[in-house]
Amino acid sequence: MDEQRLIEKLRKIETLFARTSSQGERAAAEQAAGRVRQRLDDLRASESIEHTFRFPDAWARSLFLALLRRNGLKPYRYPRQRRTTVMVRAPRSLIDEQLWPEFKELNSVLREYLRDVTNRVIATAIHGDVSEPSIVEAPGELSPGSS
Protein backbone atom coordinates (compact mmCIF):
# COMPACT_ATOMS: atom_id res chain seq x y z
CA MET A 1 0.00 0.00 0.00
CA ASP A 2 1.55 3.33 -1.01
CA GLU A 3 1.66 6.46 1.09
CA GLN A 4 -1.16 8.32 -0.65
CA ARG A 5 -3.54 5.41 -0.13
CA LEU A 6 -2.57 5.23 3.54
CA ILE A 7 -3.24 8.95 3.96
CA GLU A 8 -6.64 8.64 2.26
CA LYS A 9 -7.51 5.63 4.42
CA LEU A 10 -6.48 7.51 7.55
CA ARG A 11 -8.70 10.47 6.60
CA LYS A 12 -11.65 8.13 6.03
CA ILE A 13 -11.11 6.48 9.42
CA GLU A 14 -10.88 9.88 11.11
CA THR A 15 -14.13 10.94 9.41
CA LEU A 16 -15.78 7.72 10.58
CA PHE A 17 -14.47 8.32 14.09
CA ALA A 18 -15.97 11.81 14.14
CA ARG A 19 -19.41 10.47 13.07
CA THR A 20 -19.70 7.50 15.44
CA SER A 21 -21.79 7.71 18.56
CA SER A 22 -20.95 4.53 20.47
CA GLN A 23 -17.80 4.00 22.51
CA GLY A 24 -17.13 0.63 20.83
CA GLU A 25 -17.20 2.13 17.33
CA ARG A 26 -14.98 5.00 18.45
CA ALA A 27 -12.46 2.61 19.99
CA ALA A 28 -12.39 0.44 16.87
CA ALA A 29 -11.93 3.49 14.61
CA GLU A 30 -9.19 4.83 16.87
CA GLN A 31 -7.33 1.49 16.82
CA ALA A 32 -7.62 1.28 13.02
CA ALA A 33 -6.32 4.84 12.71
CA GLY A 34 -3.40 3.95 14.98
CA ARG A 35 -2.47 0.97 12.81
CA VAL A 36 -2.62 3.10 9.64
CA ARG A 37 -0.52 5.85 11.27
CA GLN A 38 2.07 3.24 12.26
CA ARG A 39 2.30 1.87 8.71
CA LEU A 40 2.52 5.42 7.38
CA ASP A 41 5.31 6.25 9.85
CA ASP A 42 7.16 3.07 8.86
CA LEU A 43 6.83 3.90 5.16
CA ARG A 44 7.99 7.49 5.69
CA ALA A 45 10.96 6.43 7.80
CA SER A 46 12.16 4.00 5.15
CA GLU A 47 11.96 6.52 2.30
CA SER A 48 12.69 9.80 4.08
CA ILE A 49 15.39 12.21 2.97
CA GLU A 50 16.23 15.66 4.27
CA HIS A 51 14.75 18.59 2.35
CA THR A 52 15.65 22.27 2.67
CA PHE A 53 13.14 25.03 1.90
CA ARG A 54 13.72 28.79 1.98
CA PHE A 55 10.80 31.20 1.98
CA PRO A 56 10.75 34.87 1.00
CA ASP A 57 8.25 35.89 3.67
CA ALA A 58 6.67 34.85 6.96
CA TRP A 59 3.29 34.15 5.34
CA ALA A 60 4.62 31.46 2.99
CA ARG A 61 6.73 29.95 5.76
CA SER A 62 3.76 29.76 8.17
CA LEU A 63 1.58 28.14 5.53
CA PHE A 64 4.22 25.52 4.68
CA LEU A 65 4.83 24.73 8.36
CA ALA A 66 1.10 24.15 8.84
CA LEU A 67 0.97 21.80 5.84
CA LEU A 68 3.96 19.82 7.13
CA ARG A 69 2.46 19.47 10.59
CA ARG A 70 -0.96 18.53 9.21
CA ASN A 71 0.74 15.64 7.43
CA GLY A 72 2.50 14.46 10.58
CA LEU A 73 5.92 15.83 9.64
CA LYS A 74 8.20 17.66 12.07
CA PRO A 75 9.85 20.76 10.60
CA TYR A 76 13.14 21.96 12.08
CA ARG A 77 16.18 24.10 11.35
CA TYR A 78 19.77 23.95 12.45
CA PRO A 79 21.47 26.51 14.69
CA ARG A 80 22.46 29.66 12.80
CA GLN A 81 20.11 28.92 9.90
CA ARG A 82 17.86 31.79 9.00
CA ARG A 83 14.29 31.83 10.24
CA THR A 84 13.18 31.64 6.62
CA THR A 85 14.80 28.18 6.27
CA VAL A 86 12.72 25.08 6.98
CA MET A 87 14.16 21.57 7.08
CA VAL A 88 12.11 18.38 7.03
CA ARG A 89 12.74 14.66 6.61
CA ALA A 90 10.14 13.18 4.26
CA PRO A 91 9.80 10.97 1.22
CA ARG A 92 10.55 12.84 -2.00
CA SER A 93 7.27 11.55 -3.47
CA LEU A 94 5.25 13.13 -0.64
CA ILE A 95 6.94 16.49 -1.14
CA ASP A 96 6.90 16.45 -4.96
CA GLU A 97 3.46 14.98 -5.54
CA GLN A 98 1.39 16.27 -2.64
CA LEU A 99 2.85 18.93 -0.33
CA TRP A 100 4.65 21.24 -2.76
CA PRO A 101 1.82 21.42 -5.35
CA GLU A 102 -0.70 22.03 -2.56
CA PHE A 103 1.56 24.68 -1.02
CA LYS A 104 1.97 26.51 -4.36
CA GLU A 105 -1.78 26.62 -4.91
CA LEU A 106 -2.63 27.72 -1.37
CA ASN A 107 0.21 30.25 -1.32
CA SER A 108 -1.06 31.81 -4.53
CA VAL A 109 -4.54 32.21 -3.03
CA LEU A 110 -3.11 33.56 0.24
CA ARG A 111 -0.90 36.10 -1.56
CA GLU A 112 -3.83 37.35 -3.64
CA TYR A 113 -5.96 37.73 -0.52
CA LEU A 114 -3.21 39.54 1.41
CA ARG A 115 -2.56 41.85 -1.56
CA ASP A 116 -6.26 42.72 -1.79
CA VAL A 117 -6.57 43.37 1.95
CA THR A 118 -3.39 45.50 1.96
CA ASN A 119 -4.57 47.60 -0.99
CA ARG A 120 -8.01 48.06 0.58
CA VAL A 121 -6.55 49.17 3.92
CA ILE A 122 -4.08 51.57 2.27
CA ALA A 123 -6.78 52.99 0.00
CA THR A 124 -9.12 53.51 2.94
CA ALA A 125 -6.66 54.82 5.52
CA ILE A 126 -3.94 56.59 3.54
CA HIS A 127 -4.71 57.32 -0.12
CA GLY A 128 -7.17 55.95 -2.66
CA ASP A 129 -4.62 55.52 -5.46
CA VAL A 130 -2.84 52.21 -4.90
CA SER A 131 -1.76 51.76 -8.53
CA GLU A 132 1.79 51.02 -9.62
CA PRO A 133 4.10 53.99 -10.33
CA SER A 134 4.50 55.32 -13.86
CA ILE A 135 7.45 54.23 -15.99
CA VAL A 136 9.47 57.22 -17.21
CA GLU A 137 12.64 57.67 -19.26
CA ALA A 138 15.83 57.58 -17.22
CA PRO A 139 17.51 60.98 -16.85
CA GLY A 140 19.85 61.68 -19.76
CA GLU A 141 18.24 59.17 -22.15
CA LEU A 142 16.72 60.43 -25.35
CA SER A 143 13.14 59.56 -26.06
CA PRO A 144 12.31 58.03 -29.48
CA GLY A 145 12.08 60.67 -32.24
CA SER A 146 14.22 63.32 -30.54
CA SER A 147 17.78 64.14 -31.44
C-alpha atoms as a PDB file:
ATOM      1  CA  MET A   1       0.000   0.000   0.000  1.00  0.00           C
ATOM      2  CA  ASP A   2       1.551   3.332  -1.008  1.00  0.00           C
ATOM      3  CA  GLU A   3       1.664   6.455   1.091  1.00  0.00           C
ATOM      4  CA  GLN A   4      -1.156   8.318  -0.651  1.00  0.00           C
ATOM      5  CA  ARG A   5      -3.535   5.406  -0.131  1.00  0.00           C
ATOM      6  CA  LEU A   6      -2.573   5.233   3.537  1.00  0.00           C
ATOM      7  CA  ILE A   7      -3.236   8.951   3.957  1.00  0.00           C
ATOM      8  CA  GLU A   8      -6.638   8.638   2.259  1.00  0.00           C
ATOM      9  CA  LYS A   9      -7.507   5.629   4.415  1.00  0.00           C
ATOM     10  CA  LEU A  10      -6.480   7.510   7.549  1.00  0.00           C
ATOM     11  CA  ARG A  11      -8.696  10.466   6.604  1.00  0.00           C
ATOM     12  CA  LYS A  12     -11.653   8.125   6.031  1.00  0.00           C
ATOM     13  CA  ILE A  13     -11.112   6.483   9.416  1.00  0.00           C
ATOM     14  CA  GLU A  14     -10.883   9.885  11.111  1.00  0.00           C
ATOM     15  CA  THR A  15     -14.131  10.944   9.409  1.00  0.00           C
ATOM     16  CA  LEU A  16     -15.780   7.719  10.577  1.00  0.00           C
ATOM     17  CA  PHE A  17     -14.471   8.323  14.090  1.00  0.00           C
ATOM     18  CA  ALA A  18     -15.974  11.812  14.141  1.00  0.00           C
ATOM     19  CA  ARG A  19     -19.410  10.465  13.070  1.00  0.00           C
ATOM     20  CA  THR A  20     -19.696   7.497  15.444  1.00  0.00           C
ATOM     21  CA  SER A  21     -21.786   7.711  18.557  1.00  0.00           C
ATOM     22  CA  SER A  22     -20.954   4.534  20.474  1.00  0.00           C
ATOM     23  CA  GLN A  23     -17.803   4.002  22.505  1.00  0.00           C
ATOM     24  CA  GLY A  24     -17.129   0.633  20.833  1.00  0.00           C
ATOM     25  CA  GLU A  25     -17.204   2.131  17.332  1.00  0.00           C
ATOM     26  CA  ARG A  26     -14.979   4.999  18.446  1.00  0.00           C
ATOM     27  CA  ALA A  27     -12.458   2.607  19.994  1.00  0.00           C
ATOM     28  CA  ALA A  28     -12.388   0.437  16.868  1.00  0.00           C
ATOM     29  CA  ALA A  29     -11.930   3.486  14.610  1.00  0.00           C
ATOM     30  CA  GLU A  30      -9.190   4.831  16.870  1.00  0.00           C
ATOM     31  CA  GLN A  31      -7.333   1.489  16.821  1.00  0.00           C
ATOM     32  CA  ALA A  32      -7.617   1.282  13.024  1.00  0.00           C
ATOM     33  CA  ALA A  33      -6.315   4.842  12.707  1.00  0.00           C
ATOM     34  CA  GLY A  34      -3.405   3.951  14.985  1.00  0.00           C
ATOM     35  CA  ARG A  35      -2.468   0.972  12.809  1.00  0.00           C
ATOM     36  CA  VAL A  36      -2.622   3.100   9.638  1.00  0.00           C
ATOM     37  CA  ARG A  37      -0.516   5.846  11.266  1.00  0.00           C
ATOM     38  CA  GLN A  38       2.074   3.245  12.264  1.00  0.00           C
ATOM     39  CA  ARG A  39       2.296   1.867   8.705  1.00  0.00           C
ATOM     40  CA  LEU A  40       2.520   5.422   7.380  1.00  0.00           C
ATOM     41  CA  ASP A  41       5.310   6.250   9.848  1.00  0.00           C
ATOM     42  CA  ASP A  42       7.161   3.075   8.858  1.00  0.00           C
ATOM     43  CA  LEU A  43       6.829   3.905   5.159  1.00  0.00           C
ATOM     44  CA  ARG A  44       7.985   7.493   5.692  1.00  0.00           C
ATOM     45  CA  ALA A  45      10.962   6.426   7.796  1.00  0.00           C
ATOM     46  CA  SER A  46      12.161   3.996   5.150  1.00  0.00           C
ATOM     47  CA  GLU A  47      11.957   6.524   2.298  1.00  0.00           C
ATOM     48  CA  SER A  48      12.692   9.799   4.080  1.00  0.00           C
ATOM     49  CA  ILE A  49      15.394  12.213   2.966  1.00  0.00           C
ATOM     50  CA  GLU A  50      16.231  15.661   4.272  1.00  0.00           C
ATOM     51  CA  HIS A  51      14.747  18.589   2.347  1.00  0.00           C
ATOM     52  CA  THR A  52      15.648  22.272   2.669  1.00  0.00           C
ATOM     53  CA  PHE A  53      13.145  25.035   1.900  1.00  0.00           C
ATOM     54  CA  ARG A  54      13.720  28.789   1.980  1.00  0.00           C
ATOM     55  CA  PHE A  55      10.798  31.198   1.984  1.00  0.00           C
ATOM     56  CA  PRO A  56      10.754  34.866   1.000  1.00  0.00           C
ATOM     57  CA  ASP A  57       8.251  35.888   3.670  1.00  0.00           C
ATOM     58  CA  ALA A  58       6.671  34.846   6.957  1.00  0.00           C
ATOM     59  CA  TRP A  59       3.286  34.148   5.336  1.00  0.00           C
ATOM     60  CA  ALA A  60       4.618  31.464   2.993  1.00  0.00           C
ATOM     61  CA  ARG A  61       6.730  29.946   5.765  1.00  0.00           C
ATOM     62  CA  SER A  62       3.763  29.756   8.166  1.00  0.00           C
ATOM     63  CA  LEU A  63       1.581  28.137   5.527  1.00  0.00           C
ATOM     64  CA  PHE A  64       4.224  25.518   4.683  1.00  0.00           C
ATOM     65  CA  LEU A  65       4.832  24.730   8.362  1.00  0.00           C
ATOM     66  CA  ALA A  66       1.103  24.154   8.842  1.00  0.00           C
ATOM     67  CA  LEU A  67       0.972  21.804   5.842  1.00  0.00           C
ATOM     68  CA  LEU A  68       3.961  19.824   7.131  1.00  0.00           C
ATOM     69  CA  ARG A  69       2.458  19.469  10.594  1.00  0.00           C
ATOM     70  CA  ARG A  70      -0.962  18.534   9.214  1.00  0.00           C
ATOM     71  CA  ASN A  71       0.744  15.638   7.432  1.00  0.00           C
ATOM     72  CA  GLY A  72       2.501  14.464  10.581  1.00  0.00           C
ATOM     73  CA  LEU A  73       5.923  15.835   9.636  1.00  0.00           C
ATOM     74  CA  LYS A  74       8.198  17.660  12.067  1.00  0.00           C
ATOM     75  CA  PRO A  75       9.853  20.758  10.599  1.00  0.00           C
ATOM     76  CA  TYR A  76      13.143  21.963  12.075  1.00  0.00           C
ATOM     77  CA  ARG A  77      16.179  24.104  11.349  1.00  0.00           C
ATOM     78  CA  TYR A  78      19.772  23.948  12.446  1.00  0.00           C
ATOM     79  CA  PRO A  79      21.470  26.512  14.687  1.00  0.00           C
ATOM     80  CA  ARG A  80      22.464  29.658  12.796  1.00  0.00           C
ATOM     81  CA  GLN A  81      20.108  28.916   9.901  1.00  0.00           C
ATOM     82  CA  ARG A  82      17.861  31.794   9.003  1.00  0.00           C
ATOM     83  CA  ARG A  83      14.287  31.835  10.240  1.00  0.00           C
ATOM     84  CA  THR A  84      13.179  31.636   6.624  1.00  0.00           C
ATOM     85  CA  THR A  85      14.799  28.185   6.270  1.00  0.00           C
ATOM     86  CA  VAL A  86      12.724  25.082   6.985  1.00  0.00           C
ATOM     87  CA  MET A  87      14.161  21.575   7.077  1.00  0.00           C
ATOM     88  CA  VAL A  88      12.114  18.378   7.029  1.00  0.00           C
ATOM     89  CA  ARG A  89      12.738  14.659   6.606  1.00  0.00           C
ATOM     90  CA  ALA A  90      10.137  13.184   4.260  1.00  0.00           C
ATOM     91  CA  PRO A  91       9.804  10.965   1.218  1.00  0.00           C
ATOM     92  CA  ARG A  92      10.545  12.835  -2.001  1.00  0.00           C
ATOM     93  CA  SER A  93       7.272  11.547  -3.466  1.00  0.00           C
ATOM     94  CA  LEU A  94       5.248  13.126  -0.637  1.00  0.00           C
ATOM     95  CA  ILE A  95       6.943  16.489  -1.145  1.00  0.00           C
ATOM     96  CA  ASP A  96       6.896  16.455  -4.962  1.00  0.00           C
ATOM     97  CA  GLU A  97       3.462  14.983  -5.538  1.00  0.00           C
ATOM     98  CA  GLN A  98       1.391  16.272  -2.636  1.00  0.00           C
ATOM     99  CA  LEU A  99       2.852  18.930  -0.329  1.00  0.00           C
ATOM    100  CA  TRP A 100       4.648  21.239  -2.765  1.00  0.00           C
ATOM    101  CA  PRO A 101       1.823  21.421  -5.350  1.00  0.00           C
ATOM    102  CA  GLU A 102      -0.702  22.028  -2.555  1.00  0.00           C
ATOM    103  CA  PHE A 103       1.561  24.681  -1.017  1.00  0.00           C
ATOM    104  CA  LYS A 104       1.969  26.508  -4.357  1.00  0.00           C
ATOM    105  CA  GLU A 105      -1.778  26.624  -4.913  1.00  0.00           C
ATOM    106  CA  LEU A 106      -2.628  27.718  -1.368  1.00  0.00           C
ATOM    107  CA  ASN A 107       0.213  30.245  -1.316  1.00  0.00           C
ATOM    108  CA  SER A 108      -1.061  31.814  -4.534  1.00  0.00           C
ATOM    109  CA  VAL A 109      -4.539  32.215  -3.032  1.00  0.00           C
ATOM    110  CA  LEU A 110      -3.110  33.556   0.236  1.00  0.00           C
ATOM    111  CA  ARG A 111      -0.897  36.102  -1.563  1.00  0.00           C
ATOM    112  CA  GLU A 112      -3.826  37.355  -3.637  1.00  0.00           C
ATOM    113  CA  TYR A 113      -5.962  37.730  -0.519  1.00  0.00           C
ATOM    114  CA  LEU A 114      -3.215  39.538   1.414  1.00  0.00           C
ATOM    115  CA  ARG A 115      -2.561  41.852  -1.562  1.00  0.00           C
ATOM    116  CA  ASP A 116      -6.259  42.716  -1.791  1.00  0.00           C
ATOM    117  CA  VAL A 117      -6.570  43.371   1.950  1.00  0.00           C
ATOM    118  CA  THR A 118      -3.390  45.498   1.963  1.00  0.00           C
ATOM    119  CA  ASN A 119      -4.574  47.602  -0.992  1.00  0.00           C
ATOM    120  CA  ARG A 120      -8.014  48.059   0.576  1.00  0.00           C
ATOM    121  CA  VAL A 121      -6.555  49.171   3.920  1.00  0.00           C
ATOM    122  CA  ILE A 122      -4.077  51.567   2.266  1.00  0.00           C
ATOM    123  CA  ALA A 123      -6.777  52.991  -0.004  1.00  0.00           C
ATOM    124  CA  THR A 124      -9.117  53.513   2.941  1.00  0.00           C
ATOM    125  CA  ALA A 125      -6.662  54.816   5.523  1.00  0.00           C
ATOM    126  CA  ILE A 126      -3.942  56.594   3.535  1.00  0.00           C
ATOM    127  CA  HIS A 127      -4.714  57.323  -0.123  1.00  0.00           C
ATOM    128  CA  GLY A 128      -7.168  55.949  -2.657  1.00  0.00           C
ATOM    129  CA  ASP A 129      -4.619  55.524  -5.461  1.00  0.00           C
ATOM    130  CA  VAL A 130      -2.835  52.212  -4.902  1.00  0.00           C
ATOM    131  CA  SER A 131      -1.760  51.764  -8.533  1.00  0.00           C
ATOM    132  CA  GLU A 132       1.790  51.016  -9.621  1.00  0.00           C
ATOM    133  CA  PRO A 133       4.103  53.995 -10.328  1.00  0.00           C
ATOM    134  CA  SER A 134       4.503  55.324 -13.865  1.00  0.00           C
ATOM    135  CA  ILE A 135       7.446  54.234 -15.989  1.00  0.00           C
ATOM    136  CA  VAL A 136       9.469  57.225 -17.210  1.00  0.00           C
ATOM    137  CA  GLU A 137      12.638  57.670 -19.258  1.00  0.00           C
ATOM    138  CA  ALA A 138      15.828  57.580 -17.224  1.00  0.00           C
ATOM    139  CA  PRO A 139      17.508  60.979 -16.852  1.00  0.00           C
ATOM    140  CA  GLY A 140      19.852  61.675 -19.763  1.00  0.00           C
ATOM    141  CA  GLU A 141      18.237  59.169 -22.146  1.00  0.00           C
ATOM    142  CA  LEU A 142      16.721  60.435 -25.353  1.00  0.00           C
ATOM    143  CA  SER A 143      13.138  59.558 -26.061  1.00  0.00           C
ATOM    144  CA  PRO A 144      12.309  58.031 -29.483  1.00  0.00           C
ATOM    145  CA  GLY A 145      12.081  60.672 -32.242  1.00  0.00           C
ATOM    146  CA  SER A 146      14.222  63.317 -30.538  1.00  0.00           C
ATOM    147  CA  SER A 147      17.784  64.144 -31.439  1.00  0.00           C
END
